[in-house]
Amino acid sequence: MTYLRREGLKKLKEELERRKGLRPEISQKIQEAKTLGDLAENAEYHEALSVQSFNEGRIMELEEILRQAQLI
């Protein structure tokens, strides 16, 4: 269980919405990077995948925190 104040809860919800809003942009970067050539040696593609992975991991983390949050 995570105890949060109203301000902390609001910040986490805002971050979650912001990160969800990044999904289309990240997806677009992945699609653009795919057009640049061989994926095995495509640094832009691997960077975009890394950003996507971090963003999705943070979304899952925030959702879990908010699911267990208790307002104090």
N, C-alpha and C. Protein backbone atom coordinates (compact mmCIF):
# COMPACT_ATOMS: atom_id res chain seq x y z
N MET A 1 0.84 -1.17 0.00
CA MET A 1 0.00 0.00 0.00
C MET A 1 0.90 1.24 0.00
N THR A 2 0.49 2.23 -0.78
CA THR A 2 1.23 3.48 -0.88
C THR A 2 0.35 4.60 -0.35
N TYR A 3 0.90 5.38 0.55
CA TYR A 3 0.16 6.51 1.12
C TYR A 3 0.58 7.78 0.41
N LEU A 4 -0.41 8.52 -0.07
CA LEU A 4 -0.13 9.73 -0.83
C LEU A 4 -1.01 10.87 -0.35
N ARG A 5 -0.46 12.07 -0.45
CA ARG A 5 -1.26 13.27 -0.22
C ARG A 5 -1.94 13.62 -1.53
N ARG A 6 -2.91 14.52 -1.46
CA ARG A 6 -3.63 14.93 -2.66
C ARG A 6 -2.69 15.43 -3.76
N GLU A 7 -1.70 16.23 -3.38
CA GLU A 7 -0.77 16.78 -4.37
C GLU A 7 0.03 15.67 -5.05
N GLY A 8 0.49 14.72 -4.26
CA GLY A 8 1.26 13.61 -4.81
C GLY A 8 0.42 12.74 -5.74
N LEU A 9 -0.81 12.50 -5.34
CA LEU A 9 -1.72 11.72 -6.16
C LEU A 9 -1.99 12.43 -7.49
N LYS A 10 -2.19 13.73 -7.41
CA LYS A 10 -2.45 14.52 -8.62
C LYS A 10 -1.25 14.46 -9.56
N LYS A 11 -0.04 14.60 -9.01
CA LYS A 11 1.17 14.57 -9.84
C LYS A 11 1.34 13.22 -10.54
N LEU A 12 1.07 12.15 -9.82
CA LEU A 12 1.21 10.82 -10.43
C LEU A 12 0.17 10.60 -11.53
N LYS A 13 -1.05 11.06 -11.29
CA LYS A 13 -2.09 10.94 -12.33
C LYS A 13 -1.73 11.76 -13.56
N GLU A 14 -1.18 12.96 -13.35
CA GLU A 14 -0.77 13.80 -14.47
C GLU A 14 0.36 13.15 -15.26
N GLU A 15 1.34 12.58 -14.54
CA GLU A 15 2.44 11.90 -15.23
C GLU A 15 1.92 10.71 -16.03
N LEU A 16 0.99 9.96 -15.47
CA LEU A 16 0.42 8.82 -16.17
C LEU A 16 -0.26 9.26 -17.46
N GLU A 17 -1.05 10.30 -17.40
CA GLU A 17 -1.73 10.79 -18.61
C GLU A 17 -0.73 11.32 -19.63
N ARG A 18 0.31 12.00 -19.17
CA ARG A 18 1.34 12.52 -20.07
C ARG A 18 2.06 11.38 -20.78
N ARG A 19 2.40 10.35 -20.03
CA ARG A 19 3.11 9.20 -20.61
C ARG A 19 2.22 8.44 -21.59
N LYS A 20 0.94 8.31 -21.28
CA LYS A 20 0.02 7.66 -22.22
C LYS A 20 -0.10 8.49 -23.49
N GLY A 21 -0.03 9.80 -23.34
CA GLY A 21 -0.09 10.69 -24.49
C GLY A 21 1.13 10.61 -25.38
N LEU A 22 2.25 10.10 -24.86
CA LEU A 22 3.48 9.96 -25.64
C LEU A 22 3.44 8.74 -26.56
N ARG A 23 2.54 7.83 -26.32
CA ARG A 23 2.51 6.58 -27.10
C ARG A 23 2.46 6.81 -28.61
N PRO A 24 1.55 7.67 -29.11
CA PRO A 24 1.52 7.86 -30.58
C PRO A 24 2.82 8.46 -31.13
N GLU A 25 3.41 9.38 -30.40
CA GLU A 25 4.67 9.99 -30.84
C GLU A 25 5.79 8.96 -30.90
N ILE A 26 5.89 8.13 -29.89
CA ILE A 26 6.92 7.09 -29.86
C ILE A 26 6.69 6.09 -30.98
N SER A 27 5.45 5.72 -31.18
CA SER A 27 5.12 4.79 -32.25
C SER A 27 5.51 5.36 -33.61
N GLN A 28 5.26 6.64 -33.79
CA GLN A 28 5.62 7.30 -35.05
C GLN A 28 7.14 7.28 -35.25
N LYS A 29 7.90 7.51 -34.17
CA LYS A 29 9.36 7.49 -34.28
C LYS A 29 9.86 6.09 -34.66
N ILE A 30 9.21 5.06 -34.13
CA ILE A 30 9.59 3.69 -34.47
C ILE A 30 9.31 3.44 -35.96
N GLN A 31 8.14 3.86 -36.42
CA GLN A 31 7.80 3.67 -37.83
C GLN A 31 8.77 4.41 -38.74
N GLU A 32 9.12 5.63 -38.38
CA GLU A 32 10.07 6.41 -39.19
C GLU A 32 11.44 5.74 -39.20
N ALA A 33 11.87 5.24 -38.04
CA ALA A 33 13.18 4.61 -37.95
C ALA A 33 13.24 3.33 -38.78
N LYS A 34 12.12 2.62 -38.90
CA LYS A 34 12.08 1.39 -39.69
C LYS A 34 12.40 1.66 -41.16
N THR A 35 12.08 2.85 -41.63
CA THR A 35 12.30 3.18 -43.03
C THR A 35 13.76 3.52 -43.33
N LEU A 36 14.57 3.64 -42.30
CA LEU A 36 15.96 4.07 -42.48
C LEU A 36 16.91 2.94 -42.88
N GLY A 37 16.41 1.73 -42.95
CA GLY A 37 17.27 0.65 -43.40
C GLY A 37 17.30 -0.53 -42.46
N ASP A 38 18.40 -1.27 -42.53
CA ASP A 38 18.60 -2.50 -41.77
C ASP A 38 18.36 -2.27 -40.28
N LEU A 39 17.40 -2.98 -39.70
CA LEU A 39 17.05 -2.79 -38.31
C LEU A 39 18.15 -3.25 -37.35
N ALA A 40 18.96 -4.19 -37.77
CA ALA A 40 20.02 -4.70 -36.90
C ALA A 40 21.06 -3.63 -36.60
N GLU A 41 21.27 -2.71 -37.52
CA GLU A 41 22.29 -1.68 -37.35
C GLU A 41 21.67 -0.28 -37.28
N ASN A 42 20.40 -0.20 -37.00
CA ASN A 42 19.68 1.07 -37.01
C ASN A 42 19.60 1.63 -35.60
N ALA A 43 20.47 2.57 -35.27
CA ALA A 43 20.53 3.15 -33.93
C ALA A 43 19.25 3.89 -33.57
N GLU A 44 18.66 4.59 -34.53
CA GLU A 44 17.43 5.33 -34.26
C GLU A 44 16.29 4.38 -33.87
N TYR A 45 16.23 3.25 -34.55
CA TYR A 45 15.20 2.25 -34.26
C TYR A 45 15.38 1.69 -32.85
N HIS A 46 16.60 1.33 -32.51
CA HIS A 46 16.86 0.75 -31.18
C HIS A 46 16.63 1.77 -30.08
N GLU A 47 16.96 3.02 -30.34
CA GLU A 47 16.71 4.07 -29.35
C GLU A 47 15.21 4.27 -29.14
N ALA A 48 14.46 4.29 -30.23
CA ALA A 48 13.01 4.45 -30.13
C ALA A 48 12.38 3.28 -29.37
N LEU A 49 12.87 2.07 -29.61
CA LEU A 49 12.36 0.90 -28.87
C LEU A 49 12.69 1.03 -27.38
N SER A 50 13.88 1.53 -27.09
CA SER A 50 14.29 1.72 -25.70
C SER A 50 13.39 2.74 -25.00
N VAL A 51 13.11 3.83 -25.69
CA VAL A 51 12.23 4.86 -25.13
C VAL A 51 10.84 4.28 -24.90
N GLN A 52 10.35 3.50 -25.86
CA GLN A 52 9.04 2.89 -25.73
C GLN A 52 9.01 1.93 -24.53
N SER A 53 10.04 1.14 -24.39
CA SER A 53 10.11 0.18 -23.30
C SER A 53 10.11 0.90 -21.94
N PHE A 54 10.91 1.95 -21.82
CA PHE A 54 10.96 2.70 -20.57
C PHE A 54 9.60 3.33 -20.28
N ASN A 55 8.98 3.94 -21.29
CA ASN A 55 7.70 4.61 -21.11
C ASN A 55 6.63 3.62 -20.67
N GLU A 56 6.57 2.46 -21.32
CA GLU A 56 5.56 1.46 -20.97
C GLU A 56 5.80 0.90 -19.57
N GLY A 57 7.07 0.73 -19.20
CA GLY A 57 7.39 0.26 -17.86
C GLY A 57 6.95 1.26 -16.80
N ARG A 58 7.16 2.53 -17.09
CA ARG A 58 6.76 3.58 -16.14
C ARG A 58 5.24 3.66 -16.05
N ILE A 59 4.54 3.48 -17.16
CA ILE A 59 3.08 3.47 -17.13
C ILE A 59 2.57 2.34 -16.24
N MET A 60 3.14 1.15 -16.39
CA MET A 60 2.73 0.03 -15.55
C MET A 60 3.02 0.32 -14.07
N GLU A 61 4.18 0.91 -13.80
CA GLU A 61 4.56 1.24 -12.44
C GLU A 61 3.58 2.26 -11.83
N LEU A 62 3.26 3.30 -12.59
CA LEU A 62 2.33 4.32 -12.10
C LEU A 62 0.94 3.74 -11.87
N GLU A 63 0.48 2.90 -12.78
CA GLU A 63 -0.84 2.28 -12.61
C GLU A 63 -0.88 1.43 -11.35
N GLU A 64 0.18 0.72 -11.07
CA GLU A 64 0.23 -0.11 -9.86
C GLU A 64 0.25 0.76 -8.61
N ILE A 65 1.04 1.82 -8.62
CA ILE A 65 1.09 2.74 -7.47
C ILE A 65 -0.30 3.31 -7.21
N LEU A 66 -0.96 3.77 -8.27
CA LEU A 66 -2.27 4.38 -8.12
C LEU A 66 -3.32 3.36 -7.69
N ARG A 67 -3.18 2.12 -8.12
CA ARG A 67 -4.11 1.07 -7.74
C ARG A 67 -4.03 0.80 -6.23
N GLN A 68 -2.84 0.93 -5.66
CA GLN A 68 -2.64 0.62 -4.26
C GLN A 68 -2.65 1.86 -3.36
N ALA A 69 -2.83 3.03 -3.93
CA ALA A 69 -2.70 4.28 -3.19
C ALA A 69 -3.83 4.49 -2.18
N GLN A 70 -3.42 5.01 -1.06
CA GLN A 70 -4.36 5.44 -0.02
C GLN A 70 -4.12 6.93 0.21
N LEU A 71 -5.17 7.70 0.14
CA LEU A 71 -5.08 9.14 0.34
C LEU A 71 -4.98 9.43 1.84
N ILE A 72 -4.00 10.28 2.19
CA ILE A 72 -3.89 10.67 3.61
C ILE A 72 -4.08 12.16 3.76
